[in-house]
Amino acid sequence: MNYWPWLLGISVAFALFERLRPARPGQPSLRPQLLNDLFYVAFNGHFYALLFGAWIAGVASWTQANVLPLLGYDSGSNLLSGRAFGIQFVIYLIGADFLQWLVHNLLHRVPWLWTFHKVHHSASRMDWAVNFRFHWMELIVYRTLLYLPLVFLGGDPDALFAAAVFATCWGHFNHSNLDLGLGPLGYVFNSPRMHMWHHDTSAEGGVSKNYGIVFSLWDYLFGTAYWPRERAPKRLGYPGDAEMPQQIWRQLTFPFARKALKS
């Protein structure tokens, strides 16, 4: 299971799709921060796993062998044991997406987590590459809070991998400069037109809205959905986003470097 060829193929496909049917034809391909965002795609999508994969695998193995048995976990009697691949894929996709919706809530509602999530929301223009524009601390938070619940399911790793690839594809779609609607399916699945409002810098519809990654359903169920379908936000970003440095190395050290300068 090698993720990076899938990431590369999905990224190239969306870069081409955006040229064929752009939602905002006047948006330049070589936009500001594009090189930064391509770095994030490569680092967050591939090199992070190379740098920390062995450590993560070691912690996961130790947790499964030493911690989960204390919690009554039995690898032979889990939810996905013996299930068909398709069923495992759907359960992993829905379960992981709901957990991500919860974590995404935390990133906005917990002040110190929001300081890291600001890197993602500092994007002033949307296209597929913004999907991986996030601080490395977010990887730690997501992997920590997603791993344990998912490992309890105990299914086929290939099914989990397939769900991750699907989520990557849908995340690219949500952030893309594509003129595509989903019709009534927009009440179940997220879309670029809805996700634009998550990146809205104003307080219209509330400052906390549209946390869904693959599914918009969670937002409609829990009252965090906001989508005026007839128009797009006037400005993307977050209040005070001028504080975000433009250099990639300063974004990677944000907000630590900012706090060091103030002390």
Protein backbone atom coordinates (compact mmCIF):
# COMPACT_ATOMS: atom_id res chain seq x y z
CA MET A 1 0.00 0.00 0.00
CA ASN A 2 1.92 2.99 -1.30
CA TYR A 3 0.08 6.27 -0.84
CA TRP A 4 2.22 8.73 -2.78
CA PRO A 5 1.42 7.46 -6.33
CA TRP A 6 -2.27 7.87 -5.52
CA LEU A 7 -1.65 11.35 -4.10
CA LEU A 8 0.34 12.34 -7.19
CA GLY A 9 -2.25 10.97 -9.60
CA ILE A 10 -5.18 12.62 -7.79
CA SER A 11 -3.32 15.95 -7.62
CA VAL A 12 -2.42 15.97 -11.33
CA ALA A 13 -6.00 15.03 -12.26
CA PHE A 14 -7.49 17.91 -10.28
CA ALA A 15 -4.93 20.37 -11.63
CA LEU A 16 -6.12 19.40 -15.12
CA PHE A 17 -9.83 19.44 -14.21
CA GLU A 18 -9.50 22.96 -12.84
CA ARG A 19 -8.16 24.16 -16.19
CA LEU A 20 -11.08 22.57 -18.04
CA ARG A 21 -13.96 23.77 -15.87
CA PRO A 22 -12.86 26.46 -13.38
CA ALA A 23 -15.39 27.98 -11.02
CA ARG A 24 -13.34 31.19 -11.07
CA PRO A 25 -11.84 31.49 -14.59
CA GLY A 26 -9.89 34.63 -13.70
CA GLN A 27 -7.97 32.93 -10.88
CA PRO A 28 -4.37 32.54 -12.05
CA SER A 29 -2.76 29.10 -12.04
CA LEU A 30 0.45 30.52 -10.58
CA ARG A 31 -1.24 32.15 -7.63
CA PRO A 32 0.52 33.51 -4.53
CA GLN A 33 1.50 30.79 -2.03
CA LEU A 34 1.20 28.02 -4.65
CA LEU A 35 4.81 26.88 -4.09
CA ASN A 36 4.17 26.79 -0.35
CA ASP A 37 1.06 24.69 -0.87
CA LEU A 38 2.88 22.26 -3.18
CA PHE A 39 5.44 21.83 -0.41
CA TYR A 40 2.61 21.03 2.01
CA VAL A 41 1.20 18.46 -0.42
CA ALA A 42 4.59 16.73 -0.64
CA PHE A 43 5.48 16.97 3.05
CA ASN A 44 2.12 16.33 4.67
CA GLY A 45 1.09 13.76 2.08
CA HIS A 46 4.33 11.81 1.78
CA PHE A 47 7.50 12.86 3.59
CA TYR A 48 5.89 13.11 7.03
CA ALA A 49 5.20 9.37 6.88
CA LEU A 50 8.79 8.68 5.79
CA LEU A 51 10.20 10.75 8.64
CA PHE A 52 7.89 9.51 11.39
CA GLY A 53 6.37 6.34 9.96
CA ALA A 54 8.60 3.94 11.90
CA TRP A 55 7.95 5.78 15.16
CA ILE A 56 4.18 5.86 14.54
CA ALA A 57 4.16 2.16 13.64
CA GLY A 58 6.13 1.35 16.81
CA VAL A 59 3.73 3.29 19.03
CA ALA A 60 0.75 1.69 17.29
CA SER A 61 2.19 -1.80 17.75
CA TRP A 62 2.98 -1.20 21.42
CA THR A 63 -0.51 0.24 22.03
CA GLN A 64 -2.18 -2.73 20.39
CA ALA A 65 -0.11 -5.23 22.35
CA ASN A 66 -0.05 -3.58 25.78
CA VAL A 67 -2.85 -1.05 26.15
CA LEU A 68 -5.82 -2.37 24.20
CA PRO A 69 -5.94 -5.72 26.04
CA LEU A 70 -6.30 -3.80 29.31
CA LEU A 71 -9.39 -2.15 27.82
CA GLY A 72 -10.92 -5.50 26.95
CA TYR A 73 -10.02 -5.40 23.27
CA ASP A 74 -10.15 -8.78 21.51
CA SER A 75 -8.76 -8.69 17.97
CA GLY A 76 -10.79 -11.77 17.07
CA SER A 77 -14.18 -10.33 18.00
CA ASN A 78 -14.11 -6.79 16.63
CA LEU A 79 -16.76 -5.06 14.54
CA LEU A 80 -15.19 -5.63 11.13
CA SER A 81 -13.86 -9.14 11.63
CA GLY A 82 -14.94 -11.31 8.69
CA ARG A 83 -16.87 -8.50 6.95
CA ALA A 84 -16.79 -8.02 3.20
CA PHE A 85 -14.23 -5.53 1.88
CA GLY A 86 -16.93 -3.14 0.66
CA ILE A 87 -18.63 -3.05 4.06
CA GLN A 88 -15.30 -2.43 5.78
CA PHE A 89 -14.54 0.40 3.34
CA VAL A 90 -17.87 2.12 4.00
CA ILE A 91 -17.58 1.76 7.80
CA TYR A 92 -14.01 3.06 7.78
CA LEU A 93 -14.99 5.98 5.53
CA ILE A 94 -17.99 7.01 7.64
CA GLY A 95 -16.27 6.39 10.97
CA ALA A 96 -13.06 8.20 10.06
CA ASP A 97 -14.94 11.14 8.56
CA PHE A 98 -17.08 11.58 11.66
CA LEU A 99 -13.98 11.52 13.85
CA GLN A 100 -12.35 14.10 11.57
CA TRP A 101 -15.48 16.25 11.84
CA LEU A 102 -15.11 16.13 15.65
CA VAL A 103 -11.39 16.93 15.52
CA HIS A 104 -12.04 19.75 13.04
CA ASN A 105 -14.47 21.20 15.58
CA LEU A 106 -11.73 21.12 18.20
CA LEU A 107 -9.27 22.86 15.88
CA HIS A 108 -11.66 25.81 15.71
CA ARG A 109 -12.97 25.84 19.26
CA VAL A 110 -9.80 25.21 21.32
CA PRO A 111 -7.69 28.40 21.17
CA TRP A 112 -4.23 26.79 21.14
CA LEU A 113 -5.29 24.32 18.44
CA TRP A 114 -6.76 27.17 16.39
CA THR A 115 -3.36 28.89 16.31
CA PHE A 116 -2.02 25.95 14.27
CA HIS A 117 -5.16 25.63 12.12
CA LYS A 118 -4.72 29.26 11.09
CA VAL A 119 -2.12 28.13 8.54
CA HIS A 120 -4.84 26.29 6.61
CA HIS A 121 -7.26 29.20 6.85
CA SER A 122 -4.70 31.77 5.73
CA ALA A 123 -5.31 30.70 2.11
CA SER A 124 -6.90 33.61 0.25
CA ARG A 125 -7.67 31.61 -2.91
CA MET A 126 -8.98 28.08 -3.16
CA ASP A 127 -7.79 25.26 -5.35
CA TRP A 128 -6.95 21.56 -4.90
CA ALA A 129 -3.52 22.25 -3.34
CA VAL A 130 -5.07 23.98 -0.31
CA ASN A 131 -6.33 20.57 0.82
CA PHE A 132 -2.89 19.74 2.26
CA ARG A 133 -2.05 23.25 3.45
CA PHE A 134 -1.95 22.56 7.18
CA HIS A 135 0.53 22.81 10.03
CA TRP A 136 2.49 19.69 11.00
CA MET A 137 0.99 19.89 14.49
CA GLU A 138 -2.39 19.07 12.96
CA LEU A 139 -0.99 15.72 11.79
CA ILE A 140 -0.08 14.87 15.37
CA VAL A 141 -3.53 15.86 16.64
CA TYR A 142 -5.43 13.99 13.92
CA ARG A 143 -3.35 10.82 14.14
CA THR A 144 -3.55 10.75 17.93
CA LEU A 145 -7.31 11.23 18.13
CA LEU A 146 -8.19 9.07 15.11
CA TYR A 147 -5.93 6.06 15.59
CA LEU A 148 -7.32 4.44 18.74
CA PRO A 149 -11.02 4.48 17.74
CA LEU A 150 -10.22 3.10 14.28
CA VAL A 151 -7.92 0.34 15.53
CA PHE A 152 -10.79 -0.98 17.64
CA LEU A 153 -12.60 -1.80 14.39
CA GLY A 154 -9.80 -4.23 13.53
CA GLY A 155 -10.57 -4.53 9.82
CA ASP A 156 -8.51 -5.07 6.69
CA PRO A 157 -5.73 -2.42 6.37
CA ASP A 158 -6.44 -2.33 2.63
CA ALA A 159 -10.00 -1.17 3.32
CA LEU A 160 -8.71 1.60 5.59
CA PHE A 161 -6.17 2.57 2.90
CA ALA A 162 -8.91 2.72 0.26
CA ALA A 163 -11.00 4.96 2.54
CA ALA A 164 -8.00 7.26 3.02
CA VAL A 165 -7.45 7.53 -0.75
CA PHE A 166 -11.15 8.31 -1.27
CA ALA A 167 -11.00 10.99 1.45
CA THR A 168 -7.95 12.53 -0.22
CA CYS A 169 -9.79 12.69 -3.53
CA TRP A 170 -12.83 14.28 -1.91
CA GLY A 171 -10.69 16.74 0.05
CA HIS A 172 -9.05 17.87 -3.19
CA PHE A 173 -12.54 18.25 -4.65
CA ASN A 174 -13.82 20.35 -1.70
CA HIS A 175 -10.97 22.81 -2.00
CA SER A 176 -10.82 22.84 -5.79
CA ASN A 177 -11.54 25.66 -8.22
CA LEU A 178 -14.15 23.51 -9.96
CA ASP A 179 -17.59 24.55 -11.17
CA LEU A 180 -19.43 21.40 -10.16
CA GLY A 181 -22.54 21.01 -8.05
CA LEU A 182 -23.98 17.92 -6.41
CA GLY A 183 -27.68 18.80 -6.42
CA PRO A 184 -29.63 17.10 -3.60
CA LEU A 185 -26.53 15.01 -2.78
CA GLY A 186 -25.07 18.24 -1.37
CA TYR A 187 -27.04 17.50 1.79
CA VAL A 188 -24.98 14.32 2.23
CA PHE A 189 -21.60 15.04 0.62
CA ASN A 190 -19.42 18.11 0.92
CA SER A 191 -18.66 20.24 -2.15
CA PRO A 192 -16.45 23.18 -3.20
CA ARG A 193 -19.41 25.57 -3.10
CA MET A 194 -20.28 24.63 0.48
CA HIS A 195 -16.72 24.36 1.76
CA MET A 196 -15.92 27.86 0.48
CA TRP A 197 -18.16 29.13 3.27
CA HIS A 198 -16.05 27.30 5.84
CA HIS A 199 -13.16 29.50 4.68
CA ASP A 200 -15.26 32.67 4.78
CA THR A 201 -13.52 35.38 6.76
CA SER A 202 -16.76 37.06 7.87
CA ALA A 203 -19.05 36.07 10.73
CA GLU A 204 -22.00 35.53 8.39
CA GLY A 205 -23.78 32.34 9.33
CA GLY A 206 -21.61 32.12 12.45
CA VAL A 207 -17.87 31.78 12.63
CA SER A 208 -18.11 28.02 13.20
CA LYS A 209 -19.66 26.34 10.17
CA ASN A 210 -19.25 23.50 7.64
CA TYR A 211 -16.70 21.25 9.35
CA GLY A 212 -17.37 18.24 7.12
CA ILE A 213 -14.56 16.70 5.07
CA VAL A 214 -16.30 14.08 2.92
CA PHE A 215 -19.80 14.28 4.34
CA SER A 216 -21.80 17.47 4.82
CA LEU A 217 -24.37 15.32 6.61
CA TRP A 218 -22.69 15.84 10.00
CA ASP A 219 -23.11 19.61 9.71
CA TYR A 220 -26.79 19.33 8.84
CA LEU A 221 -27.35 16.86 11.70
CA PHE A 222 -25.56 18.95 14.33
CA GLY A 223 -26.58 22.43 13.20
CA THR A 224 -23.24 23.71 11.86
CA ALA A 225 -24.25 23.89 8.18
CA TYR A 226 -24.38 27.24 6.38
CA TRP A 227 -24.58 27.57 2.61
CA PRO A 228 -26.25 30.44 0.72
CA ARG A 229 -26.34 28.56 -2.58
CA GLU A 230 -26.85 31.59 -4.77
CA ARG A 231 -23.48 33.23 -4.00
CA ALA A 232 -19.91 32.76 -2.76
CA PRO A 233 -18.14 34.48 0.17
CA LYS A 234 -16.72 37.93 -0.49
CA ARG A 235 -13.36 37.12 1.08
CA LEU A 236 -11.51 34.00 2.20
CA GLY A 237 -9.17 33.80 5.17
CA TYR A 238 -9.65 34.61 8.85
CA PRO A 239 -9.87 37.86 10.82
CA GLY A 240 -6.33 39.13 11.31
CA ASP A 241 -4.79 36.80 8.71
CA ALA A 242 -2.23 39.48 7.83
CA GLU A 243 -0.25 38.08 10.77
CA MET A 244 0.52 34.90 8.81
CA PRO A 245 4.06 35.03 7.35
CA GLN A 246 4.55 34.30 3.67
CA GLN A 247 7.76 32.26 3.97
CA ILE A 248 7.27 28.52 4.29
CA TRP A 249 9.79 28.09 7.12
CA ARG A 250 8.03 30.78 9.15
CA GLN A 251 4.66 29.13 8.58
CA LEU A 252 6.10 25.83 9.78
CA THR A 253 7.32 27.49 12.99
CA PHE A 254 4.13 29.50 13.47
CA PRO A 255 3.04 30.27 16.18
CA PHE A 256 6.16 29.22 18.14
CA ALA A 257 8.39 31.82 16.49
CA ARG A 258 5.82 34.57 17.05
CA LYS A 259 5.64 33.76 20.77
CA ALA A 260 9.43 33.68 21.02
CA LEU A 261 9.67 37.15 19.50
CA LYS A 262 7.12 38.51 21.97
CA SER A 263 8.87 37.02 25.02
